[in-house]
Protein backbone atom coordinates (compact mmCIF):
# COMPACT_ATOMS: atom_id res chain seq x y z
CA UNK A 1 79.21 73.26 90.35
CA UNK A 2 82.25 75.31 89.30
CA UNK A 3 82.01 78.75 90.38
CA UNK A 4 84.26 81.55 88.58
CA UNK A 5 84.73 85.66 88.94
CA UNK A 6 83.89 87.42 86.03
CA UNK A 7 86.57 89.11 83.62
CA UNK A 8 86.34 92.25 85.22
CA UNK A 9 86.12 90.97 88.92
CA UNK A 10 88.98 88.85 88.40
CA UNK A 11 90.65 91.39 87.13
CA UNK A 12 90.40 93.70 89.78
CA UNK A 13 90.77 91.36 91.99
CA UNK A 14 94.28 90.62 90.90
CA UNK A 15 94.84 94.26 90.41
CA UNK A 16 94.44 94.78 93.85
CA UNK A 17 96.45 91.70 95.24
CA UNK A 18 99.54 92.73 92.88
CA UNK A 19 99.69 96.37 93.62
CA UNK A 20 99.95 95.33 97.64
CA UNK A 21 102.35 93.05 96.63
CA UNK A 22 104.36 95.48 94.91
CA UNK A 23 104.24 97.88 97.57
CA UNK A 24 105.17 95.53 100.19
CA UNK A 25 107.85 94.23 98.11
CA UNK A 26 109.07 97.92 98.11
CA UNK A 27 108.63 98.36 101.87
CA UNK A 28 110.63 95.33 102.28
CA UNK A 29 113.26 95.47 100.24
CA UNK A 30 113.56 99.01 101.94
CA UNK A 31 114.28 97.41 105.21
CA UNK A 32 116.78 94.62 103.88
CA UNK A 33 118.86 97.27 102.04
CA UNK A 34 118.81 99.28 104.97
CA UNK A 35 120.00 96.05 107.02
CA UNK A 36 122.93 94.99 104.66
CA UNK A 37 124.34 98.66 104.26
CA UNK A 38 124.87 99.26 108.20
CA UNK A 39 127.36 96.95 109.98
CA UNK A 40 125.55 98.43 113.19
CA UNK A 41 122.94 95.88 112.93
CA UNK A 42 125.17 92.81 112.21
CA UNK A 43 125.87 92.01 115.56
CA UNK A 44 122.33 92.68 116.97
CA UNK A 45 120.45 89.61 117.25
CA UNK A 46 117.25 91.68 117.47
CA UNK A 47 117.53 92.88 113.99
CA UNK A 48 119.01 89.51 112.81
CA UNK A 49 115.74 87.92 113.72
CA UNK A 50 113.78 90.87 112.39
CA UNK A 51 115.46 90.91 108.83
CA UNK A 52 114.88 87.01 109.10
CA UNK A 53 111.23 87.55 109.58
CA UNK A 54 111.27 90.11 106.48
CA UNK A 55 112.67 88.21 104.21
CA UNK A 56 110.51 85.04 105.44
CA UNK A 57 107.60 87.19 104.73
CA UNK A 58 108.28 88.47 101.69
CA UNK A 59 108.94 84.81 100.53
CA UNK A 60 105.75 83.52 101.88
CA UNK A 61 103.85 86.67 100.22
CA UNK A 62 105.57 86.18 96.72
CA UNK A 63 104.44 82.59 96.68
CA UNK A 64 101.24 82.98 97.86
CA UNK A 65 100.47 86.24 95.26
CA UNK A 66 101.67 83.91 92.52
CA UNK A 67 99.54 81.04 93.31
CA UNK A 68 96.93 83.35 93.45
CA UNK A 69 97.21 84.92 90.12
CA UNK A 70 97.91 81.51 88.45
CA UNK A 71 94.76 79.97 89.99
CA UNK A 72 92.97 82.61 87.73
CA UNK A 73 95.19 82.47 84.70
CA UNK A 74 95.21 78.51 84.75
CA UNK A 75 92.56 77.26 87.41
CA UNK A 76 94.74 74.05 87.22
CA UNK A 77 98.44 73.41 88.02
CA UNK A 78 100.58 70.60 87.78
CA UNK A 79 100.68 68.62 91.01
CA UNK A 80 104.57 68.48 91.09
CA UNK A 81 104.84 72.31 90.45
CA UNK A 82 101.61 72.96 93.23
CA UNK A 83 103.37 70.76 95.56
CA UNK A 84 106.47 72.76 95.20
CA UNK A 85 104.09 76.19 96.03
CA UNK A 86 102.51 74.92 98.73
CA UNK A 87 105.30 73.59 100.92
CA UNK A 88 107.30 77.16 100.39
CA UNK A 89 104.02 78.76 101.76
CA UNK A 90 103.71 76.46 104.67
CA UNK A 91 106.79 76.36 105.64
CA UNK A 92 107.30 80.33 105.65
CA UNK A 93 103.82 80.53 107.26
CA UNK A 94 105.08 78.41 110.22
CA UNK A 95 107.96 80.26 110.48
CA UNK A 96 106.81 83.61 111.52
CA UNK A 97 104.85 82.69 114.78
CA UNK A 98 108.31 80.79 115.86
CA UNK A 99 110.41 83.54 114.82
CA UNK A 100 108.21 86.09 116.90
CA UNK A 101 108.62 83.80 119.88
CA UNK A 102 112.40 84.24 119.37
CA UNK A 103 112.43 87.79 119.34
CA UNK A 104 110.17 87.93 122.22
CA UNK A 105 112.86 85.79 124.52
CA UNK A 106 115.97 88.17 123.30
CA UNK A 107 113.53 91.34 124.57
CA UNK A 108 112.95 89.37 127.53
CA UNK A 109 116.81 88.43 128.19
CA UNK A 110 117.60 92.11 127.32
CA UNK A 111 115.23 93.37 129.88
CA UNK A 112 115.20 91.19 132.80
CA UNK A 113 119.30 89.71 132.40
CA UNK A 114 120.92 92.57 131.13
CA UNK A 115 124.11 91.51 132.00
CA UNK A 116 123.98 88.11 130.81
CA UNK A 117 122.40 89.38 127.55
CA UNK A 118 125.55 90.11 125.35
CA UNK A 119 127.07 86.63 126.66
CA UNK A 120 123.68 84.61 125.87
CA UNK A 121 122.39 86.54 122.54
CA UNK A 122 125.29 86.39 120.14
CA UNK A 123 125.02 86.96 116.57
CA UNK A 124 126.39 83.23 115.89
CA UNK A 125 123.83 81.95 118.40
CA UNK A 126 121.25 83.86 116.79
CA UNK A 127 121.92 82.11 113.40
CA UNK A 128 121.77 79.00 114.92
CA UNK A 129 118.45 79.45 116.13
CA UNK A 130 117.45 80.65 112.49
CA UNK A 131 118.67 77.34 111.61
CA UNK A 132 116.60 75.70 114.23
CA UNK A 133 113.37 77.57 113.46
CA UNK A 134 113.67 76.42 110.05
CA UNK A 135 114.20 72.44 111.10
CA UNK A 136 111.38 72.41 113.30
CA UNK A 137 108.82 74.23 110.89
CA UNK A 138 110.03 72.38 107.84
CA UNK A 139 110.33 68.56 109.42
CA UNK A 140 106.78 68.20 110.40
CA UNK A 141 105.43 68.90 107.30
CA UNK A 142 108.11 67.49 104.80
CA UNK A 143 106.44 63.96 105.76
CA UNK A 144 103.36 65.19 104.08
CA UNK A 145 105.37 64.88 100.93
CA UNK A 146 106.87 61.75 101.88
CA UNK A 147 103.47 60.08 102.76
CA UNK A 148 101.96 61.16 99.15
CA UNK A 149 104.91 59.87 97.37
CA UNK A 150 104.37 56.73 99.55
CA UNK A 151 100.86 56.59 99.01
CA UNK A 152 100.34 58.10 95.31
CA UNK A 153 101.14 56.72 91.50
CA UNK A 154 103.75 58.34 89.84
CA UNK A 155 101.17 59.33 87.10
CA UNK A 156 99.46 61.34 90.08
CA UNK A 157 102.46 64.12 90.22
CA UNK A 158 101.66 64.56 86.53
CA UNK A 159 97.92 65.53 86.55
CA UNK A 160 96.33 68.88 87.01
CA UNK A 161 94.46 69.93 90.12
CA UNK A 162 93.27 73.43 91.67
CA UNK A 163 96.42 74.21 93.94
CA UNK A 164 94.95 73.70 97.39
CA UNK A 165 96.70 71.35 100.26
CA UNK A 166 94.17 69.36 100.52
CA UNK A 167 94.19 68.30 97.01
CA UNK A 168 97.72 67.76 96.60
CA UNK A 169 98.58 65.80 100.10
CA UNK A 170 94.84 63.88 100.25
CA UNK A 171 95.87 61.24 103.28
CA UNK A 172 93.16 62.19 105.90
CA UNK A 173 95.91 61.48 108.45
CA UNK A 174 98.01 64.28 107.39
CA UNK A 175 94.90 66.27 108.31
CA UNK A 176 94.76 65.11 111.87
CA UNK A 177 98.71 65.54 111.77
CA UNK A 178 98.26 69.11 110.94
CA UNK A 179 95.91 69.78 113.36
CA UNK A 180 98.16 68.38 115.98
CA UNK A 181 101.10 70.34 115.26
CA UNK A 182 99.17 73.97 115.00
CA UNK A 183 97.99 73.36 118.27
CA UNK A 184 101.64 72.38 119.66
CA UNK A 185 103.42 75.44 117.72
CA UNK A 186 100.87 78.27 118.75
CA UNK A 187 100.37 76.81 122.45
CA UNK A 188 104.20 77.25 122.69
CA UNK A 189 104.34 80.70 120.73
CA UNK A 190 101.06 81.57 122.99
CA UNK A 191 102.73 80.67 126.69
CA UNK A 192 106.28 82.18 125.56
CA UNK A 193 104.80 86.01 124.61
CA UNK A 194 102.20 85.69 127.54
CA UNK A 195 105.55 84.67 130.07
CA UNK A 196 108.00 87.04 128.36
CA UNK A 197 105.31 89.95 128.96
CA UNK A 198 104.45 89.36 132.22
CA UNK A 199 107.94 89.09 133.15
CA UNK A 200 108.99 92.34 131.51
CA UNK A 201 105.87 94.08 133.02
CA UNK A 202 106.96 93.18 136.63
CA UNK A 203 110.80 93.71 135.95
CA UNK A 204 109.51 97.42 134.83
CA UNK A 205 107.70 98.16 138.22
CA UNK A 206 110.68 96.42 139.92
CA UNK A 207 113.08 98.92 138.20
CA UNK A 208 113.35 102.73 138.21
CA UNK A 209 116.14 103.26 135.87
CA UNK A 210 115.08 101.17 132.95
CA UNK A 211 110.84 101.72 132.67
CA UNK A 212 111.15 103.57 129.62
CA UNK A 213 112.97 100.53 127.60
CA UNK A 214 110.96 98.20 129.36
CA UNK A 215 107.79 99.64 128.24
CA UNK A 216 108.97 99.89 124.84
CA UNK A 217 109.91 95.84 124.90
CA UNK A 218 106.22 95.52 126.37
CA UNK A 219 104.64 97.06 123.59
CA UNK A 220 106.75 95.44 121.08
CA UNK A 221 105.75 91.91 122.69
CA UNK A 222 101.94 93.18 122.56
CA UNK A 223 102.27 93.91 118.64
CA UNK A 224 103.91 90.62 118.34
CA UNK A 225 100.75 89.16 120.14
CA UNK A 226 98.68 90.96 117.44
CA UNK A 227 100.85 89.74 114.56
CA UNK A 228 100.38 86.13 116.00
CA UNK A 229 96.61 86.70 116.50
CA UNK A 230 96.62 87.47 112.87
CA UNK A 231 98.69 84.51 112.13
CA UNK A 232 96.63 82.04 113.86
CA UNK A 233 93.94 83.10 111.21
CA UNK A 234 95.16 81.36 108.52
CA UNK A 235 94.50 77.73 110.49
CA UNK A 236 90.91 78.83 111.90
CA UNK A 237 90.05 80.50 108.17
CA UNK A 238 88.83 77.20 106.91
CA UNK A 239 86.37 76.46 109.12
CA UNK A 240 85.32 80.18 109.20
CA UNK A 241 84.76 80.10 105.70
CA UNK A 242 82.63 76.88 105.88
CA UNK A 243 80.54 79.10 108.10
CA UNK A 244 80.45 82.61 106.57
CA UNK A 245 79.38 80.16 103.61
CA UNK A 246 76.51 78.64 105.41
CA UNK A 247 75.29 82.55 106.08
CA UNK A 248 76.07 83.71 102.68
CA UNK A 249 75.75 81.08 100.20
CA UNK A 250 75.98 82.99 97.09
CA UNK A 251 79.40 85.16 98.32
CA UNK A 252 81.80 82.05 98.23
CA UNK A 253 84.37 84.03 96.30
CA UNK A 254 84.24 87.36 97.97
CA UNK A 255 84.57 85.38 101.23
CA UNK A 256 87.56 83.67 100.20
CA UNK A 257 89.08 86.94 98.81
CA UNK A 258 88.58 88.66 101.62
CA UNK A 259 89.80 85.69 103.80
CA UNK A 260 93.07 86.02 101.96
CA UNK A 261 93.47 89.64 102.00
CA UNK A 262 92.96 89.55 105.88
CA UNK A 263 94.83 86.15 106.70
CA UNK A 264 97.87 86.12 104.47
CA UNK A 265 98.52 89.64 103.48
CA UNK A 266 97.41 92.28 106.51
CA UNK A 267 99.91 90.54 108.88
CA UNK A 268 102.71 91.11 106.49
CA UNK A 269 101.90 94.85 107.36
CA UNK A 270 102.83 94.88 110.88
CA UNK A 271 106.59 94.03 110.63
CA UNK A 272 107.27 97.50 109.05
CA UNK A 273 105.35 99.48 111.64
CA UNK A 274 107.04 97.50 114.50
CA UNK A 275 110.87 97.88 113.62
CA UNK A 276 110.97 100.41 110.52
CA UNK A 277 108.48 103.16 111.94
CA UNK A 278 108.56 102.51 115.85
CA UNK A 279 112.59 101.75 116.67
CA UNK A 280 114.25 105.03 116.98
CA UNK A 281 117.50 103.23 115.99
CA UNK A 282 116.22 101.23 112.52
CA UNK A 283 114.21 104.58 111.96
CA UNK A 284 117.49 106.58 111.97
CA UNK A 285 119.17 104.61 109.51
CA UNK A 286 116.22 104.29 107.09
CA UNK A 287 116.13 108.13 106.91
CA UNK A 288 119.69 108.02 105.81
CA UNK A 289 118.75 105.48 103.28
CA UNK A 290 116.11 107.45 101.97
CA UNK A 291 118.17 110.65 102.21
CA UNK A 292 120.87 109.11 100.08
CA UNK A 293 119.17 107.91 97.75
CA UNK A 294 117.79 111.36 97.06
CA UNK A 295 121.16 112.89 96.71
CA UNK A 296 122.37 110.35 94.54
CA UNK A 297 118.98 111.11 92.39
CA UNK A 298 119.79 114.82 92.43
CA UNK A 299 123.47 113.95 91.43
CA UNK A 300 122.59 112.04 88.30
CA UNK A 301 120.46 114.47 87.16
CA UNK A 302 122.80 117.39 87.51
CA UNK A 303 125.66 114.94 85.75
CA UNK A 304 122.86 114.64 82.52
CA UNK A 305 122.31 118.26 82.68
CA UNK A 306 125.90 119.04 82.34
CA UNK A 307 126.55 116.35 79.78
CA UNK A 308 123.51 117.87 77.72
């Protein structure tokens, strides 16, 4: 049986999602503009990895919000169109935890191997790491497309379906493959965060001069862990939905909406908090960005008044 929201409910849900997307897009746009306006960030691998994650999250959020709104407007979408958007969403979703692991490793080297940090963590090597992140996140899931192209007829890609991953990539073996790669990826990231956190913790106890920076790095990795935990929700959310649907059988639409906000929207608020607010260096340049914009607005108003 097809379950649909009333017009008023659908309007409110879409309004909330779009407003949140606009706010986050403004925040992310401000962070990206601050990064590219100041060369002090260009050679720092920490901020290169950070801005990569911000751009990645912005793409992921834009794609998921677009699919959310389109699912209410059209309900069913063309398979080819849906396939493209799902793959982009999957790639960017998988990128985030691997990027978090890379950032944690960079902090570990900075605190535990300070003399080798400038040699190991260069801007050029950081861009190579970003390329590897995309390769290892794209390669396993792009095979879903190849399997579907091999097993489905050409007419399938001209049909319209409700845009869910399981409706497009229907081969049962793909579900098992996804589960296996999910376990591998998140086990790797989880173990990386635990290892770097413990090493930085021991380094902070051993060093008397770098305790403050080590403590900040340790807190940052803890926040990475919180962000990872929320990212992991996207992999257990289908099971949670089923359980909640059994408990609240008449609330499936509300469950899906709450799940969407918690799994896909909430984790994207953490990146600006970790670096845009907590990091002193970035906060300094962020403040300069806002002040320069304010001055520019005042100067334009003065110029307009003179013209009048």
